[in-house]
């Protein structure tokens, strides 16, 4: 009975430590990613603002005439 209790205590401490370690790792990753994601979003929005002037989209899709690709297939 004492060995069952000792195992339960040790296993519980192990599970708690693993949960804390996982939480800390995820929090660290999110904090490291946040500045890079903000910079990417700033560049993306700047590109989108510049692209809209020539009729294309921020992803580079579009054409100079402003018509859709399906309109080009029609006679």
PDB file of N, CA and C in Angstrom:
ATOM      1  N   UNK A   1       0.812  -1.185   0.000  1.00  0.00           N
ATOM      2  CA  UNK A   1       0.000   0.000   0.000  1.00  0.00           C
ATOM      3  C   UNK A   1       0.861   1.256   0.000  1.00  0.00           C
ATOM      4  N   UNK A   2       1.955   1.252   0.737  1.00  0.00           N
ATOM      5  CA  UNK A   2       2.832   2.423   0.779  1.00  0.00           C
ATOM      6  C   UNK A   2       3.482   2.657  -0.577  1.00  0.00           C
ATOM      7  N   UNK A   3       3.796   1.553  -1.294  1.00  0.00           N
ATOM      8  CA  UNK A   3       4.420   1.709  -2.610  1.00  0.00           C
ATOM      9  C   UNK A   3       3.413   2.296  -3.608  1.00  0.00           C
ATOM     10  N   UNK A   4       2.122   1.927  -3.470  1.00  0.00           N
ATOM     11  CA  UNK A   4       1.103   2.509  -4.344  1.00  0.00           C
ATOM     12  C   UNK A   4       0.962   4.005  -4.093  1.00  0.00           C
ATOM     13  N   UNK A   5       1.011   4.392  -2.850  1.00  0.00           N
ATOM     14  CA  UNK A   5       0.908   5.805  -2.501  1.00  0.00           C
ATOM     15  C   UNK A   5       2.131   6.575  -3.010  1.00  0.00           C
ATOM     16  N   UNK A   6       3.323   5.992  -2.856  1.00  0.00           N
ATOM     17  CA  UNK A   6       4.546   6.645  -3.331  1.00  0.00           C
ATOM     18  C   UNK A   6       4.519   6.797  -4.848  1.00  0.00           C
ATOM     19  N   UNK A   7       4.074   5.758  -5.541  1.00  0.00           N
ATOM     20  CA  UNK A   7       3.972   5.840  -6.995  1.00  0.00           C
ATOM     21  C   UNK A   7       2.987   6.927  -7.403  1.00  0.00           C
ATOM     22  N   UNK A   8       1.862   7.004  -6.749  1.00  0.00           N
ATOM     23  CA  UNK A   8       0.864   8.026  -7.065  1.00  0.00           C
ATOM     24  C   UNK A   8       1.398   9.432  -6.864  1.00  0.00           C
ATOM     25  N   UNK A   9       2.146   9.632  -5.805  1.00  0.00           N
ATOM     26  CA  UNK A   9       2.725  10.954  -5.533  1.00  0.00           C
ATOM     27  C   UNK A   9       3.764  11.305  -6.588  1.00  0.00           C
ATOM     28  N   UNK A  10       4.682  10.369  -6.864  1.00  0.00           N
ATOM     29  CA  UNK A  10       5.745  10.624  -7.848  1.00  0.00           C
ATOM     30  C   UNK A  10       5.143  10.837  -9.237  1.00  0.00           C
ATOM     31  N   UNK A  11       4.177  10.023  -9.593  1.00  0.00           N
ATOM     32  CA  UNK A  11       3.549  10.156 -10.906  1.00  0.00           C
ATOM     33  C   UNK A  11       2.793  11.480 -11.012  1.00  0.00           C
ATOM     34  N   UNK A  12       2.121  11.873  -9.950  1.00  0.00           N
ATOM     35  CA  UNK A  12       1.406  13.148  -9.942  1.00  0.00           C
ATOM     36  C   UNK A  12       2.352  14.335 -10.102  1.00  0.00           C
ATOM     37  N   UNK A  13       3.486  14.278  -9.426  1.00  0.00           N
ATOM     38  CA  UNK A  13       4.490  15.337  -9.562  1.00  0.00           C
ATOM     39  C   UNK A  13       5.030  15.362 -10.985  1.00  0.00           C
ATOM     40  N   UNK A  14       5.261  14.183 -11.556  1.00  0.00           N
ATOM     41  CA  UNK A  14       5.752  14.103 -12.934  1.00  0.00           C
ATOM     42  C   UNK A  14       4.745  14.715 -13.916  1.00  0.00           C
ATOM     43  N   UNK A  15       3.492  14.389 -13.776  1.00  0.00           N
ATOM     44  CA  UNK A  15       2.453  14.924 -14.661  1.00  0.00           C
ATOM     45  C   UNK A  15       2.339  16.441 -14.506  1.00  0.00           C
ATOM     46  N   UNK A  16       2.388  16.916 -13.283  1.00  0.00           N
ATOM     47  CA  UNK A  16       2.316  18.360 -13.046  1.00  0.00           C
ATOM     48  C   UNK A  16       3.526  19.069 -13.664  1.00  0.00           C
ATOM     49  N   UNK A  17       4.716  18.502 -13.502  1.00  0.00           N
ATOM     50  CA  UNK A  17       5.918  19.107 -14.082  1.00  0.00           C
ATOM     51  C   UNK A  17       5.847  19.118 -15.608  1.00  0.00           C
ATOM     52  N   UNK A  18       5.338  18.058 -16.185  1.00  0.00           N
ATOM     53  CA  UNK A  18       5.191  17.987 -17.637  1.00  0.00           C
ATOM     54  C   UNK A  18       4.199  19.026 -18.136  1.00  0.00           C
ATOM     55  N   UNK A  19       3.107  19.217 -17.425  1.00  0.00           N
ATOM     56  CA  UNK A  19       2.115  20.221 -17.808  1.00  0.00           C
ATOM     57  C   UNK A  19       2.701  21.629 -17.717  1.00  0.00           C
ATOM     58  N   UNK A  20       3.447  21.906 -16.660  1.00  0.00           N
ATOM     59  CA  UNK A  20       4.076  23.228 -16.509  1.00  0.00           C
ATOM     60  C   UNK A  20       5.098  23.452 -17.620  1.00  0.00           C
ATOM     61  N   UNK A  21       5.899  22.445 -17.920  1.00  0.00           N
ATOM     62  CA  UNK A  21       6.891  22.562 -18.973  1.00  0.00           C
ATOM     63  C   UNK A  21       6.223  22.824 -20.334  1.00  0.00           C
ATOM     64  N   UNK A  22       5.149  22.126 -20.610  1.00  0.00           N
ATOM     65  CA  UNK A  22       4.417  22.359 -21.859  1.00  0.00           C
ATOM     66  C   UNK A  22       3.861  23.766 -21.942  1.00  0.00           C
ATOM     67  N   UNK A  23       3.300  24.246 -20.855  1.00  0.00           N
ATOM     68  CA  UNK A  23       2.746  25.603 -20.820  1.00  0.00           C
ATOM     69  C   UNK A  23       3.841  26.644 -21.049  1.00  0.00           C
ATOM     70  N   UNK A  24       4.972  26.472 -20.393  1.00  0.00           N
ATOM     71  CA  UNK A  24       6.077  27.423 -20.545  1.00  0.00           C
ATOM     72  C   UNK A  24       6.610  27.403 -21.976  1.00  0.00           C
ATOM     73  N   UNK A  25       6.723  26.229 -22.566  1.00  0.00           N
ATOM     74  CA  UNK A  25       7.228  26.120 -23.938  1.00  0.00           C
ATOM     75  C   UNK A  25       6.280  26.792 -24.928  1.00  0.00           C
ATOM     76  N   UNK A  26       4.993  26.584 -24.771  1.00  0.00           N
ATOM     77  CA  UNK A  26       4.019  27.214 -25.671  1.00  0.00           C
ATOM     78  C   UNK A  26       4.023  28.719 -25.498  1.00  0.00           C
ATOM     79  N   UNK A  27       4.088  29.193 -24.264  1.00  0.00           N
ATOM     80  CA  UNK A  27       4.116  30.632 -24.006  1.00  0.00           C
ATOM     81  C   UNK A  27       5.370  31.259 -24.601  1.00  0.00           C
ATOM     82  N   UNK A  28       6.506  30.589 -24.483  1.00  0.00           N
ATOM     83  CA  UNK A  28       7.745  31.095 -25.060  1.00  0.00           C
ATOM     84  C   UNK A  28       7.625  31.180 -26.585  1.00  0.00           C
ATOM     85  N   UNK A  29       7.079  30.151 -27.211  1.00  0.00           N
ATOM     86  CA  UNK A  29       6.921  30.154 -28.667  1.00  0.00           C
ATOM     87  C   UNK A  29       6.012  31.260 -29.159  1.00  0.00           C
ATOM     88  N   UNK A  30       4.932  31.489 -28.459  1.00  0.00           N
ATOM     89  CA  UNK A  30       4.003  32.554 -28.851  1.00  0.00           C
ATOM     90  C   UNK A  30       4.665  33.911 -28.702  1.00  0.00           C
ATOM     91  N   UNK A  31       5.394  34.113 -27.639  1.00  0.00           N
ATOM     92  CA  UNK A  31       6.076  35.401 -27.426  1.00  0.00           C
ATOM     93  C   UNK A  31       7.150  35.643 -28.468  1.00  0.00           C
ATOM     94  N   UNK A  32       7.868  34.609 -28.886  1.00  0.00           N
ATOM     95  CA  UNK A  32       8.893  34.763 -29.906  1.00  0.00           C
ATOM     96  C   UNK A  32       8.275  34.991 -31.283  1.00  0.00           C
ATOM     97  N   UNK A  33       7.099  34.450 -31.524  1.00  0.00           N
ATOM     98  CA  UNK A  33       6.457  34.553 -32.826  1.00  0.00           C
ATOM     99  C   UNK A  33       5.742  35.882 -33.024  1.00  0.00           C
ATOM    100  N   UNK A  34       5.255  36.489 -31.968  1.00  0.00           N
ATOM    101  CA  UNK A  34       4.430  37.695 -32.072  1.00  0.00           C
ATOM    102  C   UNK A  34       5.111  38.848 -32.824  1.00  0.00           C
ATOM    103  N   UNK A  35       6.368  39.218 -32.528  1.00  0.00           N
ATOM    104  CA  UNK A  35       6.992  40.320 -33.277  1.00  0.00           C
ATOM    105  C   UNK A  35       7.187  39.999 -34.765  1.00  0.00           C
ATOM    106  N   UNK A  36       7.565  38.786 -35.065  1.00  0.00           N
ATOM    107  CA  UNK A  36       7.745  38.400 -36.466  1.00  0.00           C
ATOM    108  C   UNK A  36       6.439  38.419 -37.229  1.00  0.00           C
ATOM    109  N   UNK A  37       5.384  37.968 -36.599  1.00  0.00           N
ATOM    110  CA  UNK A  37       4.072  37.970 -37.243  1.00  0.00           C
ATOM    111  C   UNK A  37       3.588  39.402 -37.475  1.00  0.00           C
ATOM    112  N   UNK A  38       3.849  40.292 -36.520  1.00  0.00           N
ATOM    113  CA  UNK A  38       3.448  41.697 -36.685  1.00  0.00           C
ATOM    114  C   UNK A  38       4.217  42.334 -37.833  1.00  0.00           C
ATOM    115  N   UNK A  39       5.502  42.043 -37.954  1.00  0.00           N
ATOM    116  CA  UNK A  39       6.305  42.582 -39.051  1.00  0.00           C
ATOM    117  C   UNK A  39       5.815  42.042 -40.389  1.00  0.00           C
ATOM    118  N   UNK A  40       5.511  40.744 -40.461  1.00  0.00           N
ATOM    119  CA  UNK A  40       4.998  40.158 -41.706  1.00  0.00           C
ATOM    120  C   UNK A  40       3.670  40.811 -42.084  1.00  0.00           C
ATOM    121  N   UNK A  41       2.803  41.020 -41.104  1.00  0.00           N
ATOM    122  CA  UNK A  41       1.503  41.632 -41.387  1.00  0.00           C
ATOM    123  C   UNK A  41       1.668  43.073 -41.872  1.00  0.00           C
ATOM    124  N   UNK A  42       2.618  43.810 -41.285  1.00  0.00           N
ATOM    125  CA  UNK A  42       2.864  45.182 -41.727  1.00  0.00           C
ATOM    126  C   UNK A  42       3.335  45.204 -43.185  1.00  0.00           C
ATOM    127  N   UNK A  43       4.267  44.309 -43.534  1.00  0.00           N
ATOM    128  CA  UNK A  43       4.747  44.240 -44.918  1.00  0.00           C
ATOM    129  C   UNK A  43       3.635  43.822 -45.859  1.00  0.00           C
ATOM    130  N   UNK A  44       2.808  42.879 -45.434  1.00  0.00           N
ATOM    131  CA  UNK A  44       1.708  42.395 -46.264  1.00  0.00           C
ATOM    132  C   UNK A  44       0.704  43.520 -46.537  1.00  0.00           C
ATOM    133  N   UNK A  45       0.352  44.283 -45.513  1.00  0.00           N
ATOM    134  CA  UNK A  45      -0.605  45.363 -45.687  1.00  0.00           C
ATOM    135  C   UNK A  45      -0.032  46.482 -46.548  1.00  0.00           C
ATOM    136  N   UNK A  46       1.268  46.761 -46.416  1.00  0.00           N
ATOM    137  CA  UNK A  46       1.890  47.760 -47.286  1.00  0.00           C
ATOM    138  C   UNK A  46       1.855  47.304 -48.735  1.00  0.00           C
ATOM    139  N   UNK A  47       2.131  46.024 -48.961  1.00  0.00           N
ATOM    140  CA  UNK A  47       2.092  45.495 -50.324  1.00  0.00           C
ATOM    141  C   UNK A  47       0.669  45.534 -50.862  1.00  0.00           C
ATOM    142  N   UNK A  48      -0.307  45.252 -50.012  1.00  0.00           N
ATOM    143  CA  UNK A  48      -1.703  45.265 -50.453  1.00  0.00           C
ATOM    144  C   UNK A  48      -2.124  46.677 -50.848  1.00  0.00           C
ATOM    145  N   UNK A  49      -1.689  47.657 -50.097  1.00  0.00           N
ATOM    146  CA  UNK A  49      -2.045  49.049 -50.409  1.00  0.00           C
ATOM    147  C   UNK A  49      -1.404  49.470 -51.721  1.00  0.00           C
ATOM    148  N   UNK A  50      -0.175  49.048 -51.971  1.00  0.00           N
ATOM    149  CA  UNK A  50       0.502  49.395 -53.214  1.00  0.00           C
ATOM    150  C   UNK A  50      -0.067  48.668 -54.410  1.00  0.00           C
ATOM    151  N   UNK A  51      -0.460  47.420 -54.238  1.00  0.00           N
ATOM    152  CA  UNK A  51      -0.986  46.622 -55.341  1.00  0.00           C
ATOM    153  C   UNK A  51      -2.369  47.068 -55.771  1.00  0.00           C
ATOM    154  N   UNK A  52      -3.155  47.592 -54.864  1.00  0.00           N
ATOM    155  CA  UNK A  52      -4.518  47.971 -55.212  1.00  0.00           C
ATOM    156  C   UNK A  52      -4.534  49.120 -56.212  1.00  0.00           C
ATOM    157  N   UNK A  53      -3.492  49.902 -56.262  1.00  0.00           N
ATOM    158  CA  UNK A  53      -3.440  51.020 -57.196  1.00  0.00           C
ATOM    159  C   UNK A  53      -3.382  50.537 -58.642  1.00  0.00           C
ATOM    160  N   UNK A  54      -2.783  49.367 -58.892  1.00  0.00           N
ATOM    161  CA  UNK A  54      -2.682  48.887 -60.275  1.00  0.00           C
ATOM    162  C   UNK A  54      -3.732  47.829 -60.615  1.00  0.00           C
ATOM    163  N   UNK A  55      -4.686  47.581 -59.740  1.00  0.00           N
ATOM    164  CA  UNK A  55      -5.787  46.677 -60.047  1.00  0.00           C
ATOM    165  C   UNK A  55      -5.571  45.234 -59.640  1.00  0.00           C
ATOM    166  N   UNK A  56      -4.398  44.890 -59.139  1.00  0.00           N
ATOM    167  CA  UNK A  56      -4.177  43.520 -58.703  1.00  0.00           C
ATOM    168  C   UNK A  56      -4.445  43.419 -57.208  1.00  0.00           C
ATOM    169  N   UNK A  57      -4.297  42.240 -56.685  1.00  0.00           N
ATOM    170  CA  UNK A  57      -4.545  42.018 -55.264  1.00  0.00           C
ATOM    171  C   UNK A  57      -3.231  41.895 -54.527  1.00  0.00           C
ATOM    172  N   UNK A  58      -3.287  41.808 -53.213  1.00  0.00           N
ATOM    173  CA  UNK A  58      -2.082  41.715 -52.393  1.00  0.00           C
ATOM    174  C   UNK A  58      -1.324  40.422 -52.656  1.00  0.00           C
ATOM    175  N   UNK A  59      -1.984  39.401 -53.116  1.00  0.00           N
ATOM    176  CA  UNK A  59      -1.322  38.131 -53.372  1.00  0.00           C
ATOM    177  C   UNK A  59      -0.718  38.071 -54.765  1.00  0.00           C
ATOM    178  N   UNK A  60      -0.887  39.128 -55.533  1.00  0.00           N
ATOM    179  CA  UNK A  60      -0.296  39.170 -56.855  1.00  0.00           C
ATOM    180  C   UNK A  60      -1.201  38.628 -57.942  1.00  0.00           C
ATOM    181  N   UNK A  61      -2.420  38.277 -57.622  1.00  0.00           N
ATOM    182  CA  UNK A  61      -3.344  37.792 -58.625  1.00  0.00           C
ATOM    183  C   UNK A  61      -4.132  38.968 -59.174  1.00  0.00           C
ATOM    184  N   UNK A  62      -4.357  38.972 -60.420  1.00  0.00           N
ATOM    185  CA  UNK A  62      -5.076  40.062 -61.056  1.00  0.00           C
ATOM    186  C   UNK A  62      -4.412  40.340 -62.394  1.00  0.00           C
ATOM    187  N   UNK A  63      -5.008  41.198 -63.154  1.00  0.00           N
ATOM    188  CA  UNK A  63      -4.400  41.528 -64.434  1.00  0.00           C
ATOM    189  C   UNK A  63      -4.531  43.014 -64.692  1.00  0.00           C
ATOM    190  N   UNK A  64      -3.875  43.465 -65.738  1.00  0.00           N
ATOM    191  CA  UNK A  64      -3.814  44.890 -66.006  1.00  0.00           C
ATOM    192  C   UNK A  64      -5.151  45.467 -66.448  1.00  0.00           C
ATOM    193  N   UNK A  65      -6.003  44.656 -67.079  1.00  0.00           N
ATOM    194  CA  UNK A  65      -7.268  45.171 -67.592  1.00  0.00           C
ATOM    195  C   UNK A  65      -8.335  45.262 -66.508  1.00  0.00           C
ATOM    196  N   UNK A  66      -8.145  44.557 -65.414  1.00  0.00           N
ATOM    197  CA  UNK A  66      -9.124  44.577 -64.341  1.00  0.00           C
ATOM    198  C   UNK A  66     -10.269  43.604 -64.557  1.00  0.00           C
ATOM    199  N   UNK A  67     -10.251  42.842 -65.651  1.00  0.00           N
ATOM    200  CA  UNK A  67     -11.314  41.861 -65.877  1.00  0.00           C
ATOM    201  C   UNK A  67     -10.941  40.546 -65.214  1.00  0.00           C
ATOM    202  N   UNK A  68     -11.927  39.739 -64.968  1.00  0.00           N
ATOM    203  CA  UNK A  68     -11.666  38.460 -64.331  1.00  0.00           C
ATOM    204  C   UNK A  68     -11.171  37.459 -65.361  1.00  0.00           C
ATOM    205  N   UNK A  69     -10.483  36.407 -64.945  1.00  0.00           N
ATOM    206  CA  UNK A  69      -9.991  35.403 -65.894  1.00  0.00           C
ATOM    207  C   UNK A  69     -11.122  34.738 -66.667  1.00  0.00           C
ATOM    208  N   UNK A  70     -12.308  34.588 -66.062  1.00  0.00           N
ATOM    209  CA  UNK A  70     -13.400  33.949 -66.786  1.00  0.00           C
ATOM    210  C   UNK A  70     -13.902  34.824 -67.919  1.00  0.00           C
ATOM    211  N   UNK A  71     -13.774  36.167 -67.802  1.00  0.00           N
ATOM    212  CA  UNK A  71     -14.176  37.050 -68.886  1.00  0.00           C
ATOM    213  C   UNK A  71     -13.254  36.925 -70.089  1.00  0.00           C
ATOM    214  N   UNK A  72     -12.020  36.554 -69.862  1.00  0.00           N
ATOM    215  CA  UNK A  72     -11.073  36.446 -70.962  1.00  0.00           C
ATOM    216  C   UNK A  72     -11.351  35.218 -71.824  1.00  0.00           C
ATOM    217  N   UNK A  73     -11.982  34.208 -71.287  1.00  0.00           N
ATOM    218  CA  UNK A  73     -12.255  32.997 -72.031  1.00  0.00           C
ATOM    219  C   UNK A  73     -13.436  33.148 -72.970  1.00  0.00           C
ATOM    220  N   UNK A  74     -14.243  34.148 -72.775  1.00  0.00           N
ATOM    221  CA  UNK A  74     -15.447  34.331 -73.588  1.00  0.00           C
ATOM    222  C   UNK A  74     -15.116  35.099 -74.863  1.00  0.00           C
ATOM    223  N   UNK A  75     -15.803  34.755 -75.970  1.00  0.00           N
ATOM    224  CA  UNK A  75     -15.547  35.481 -77.241  1.00  0.00           C
ATOM    225  C   UNK A  75     -16.131  36.869 -77.235  1.00  0.00           C
TER     226      UNK A  75
END
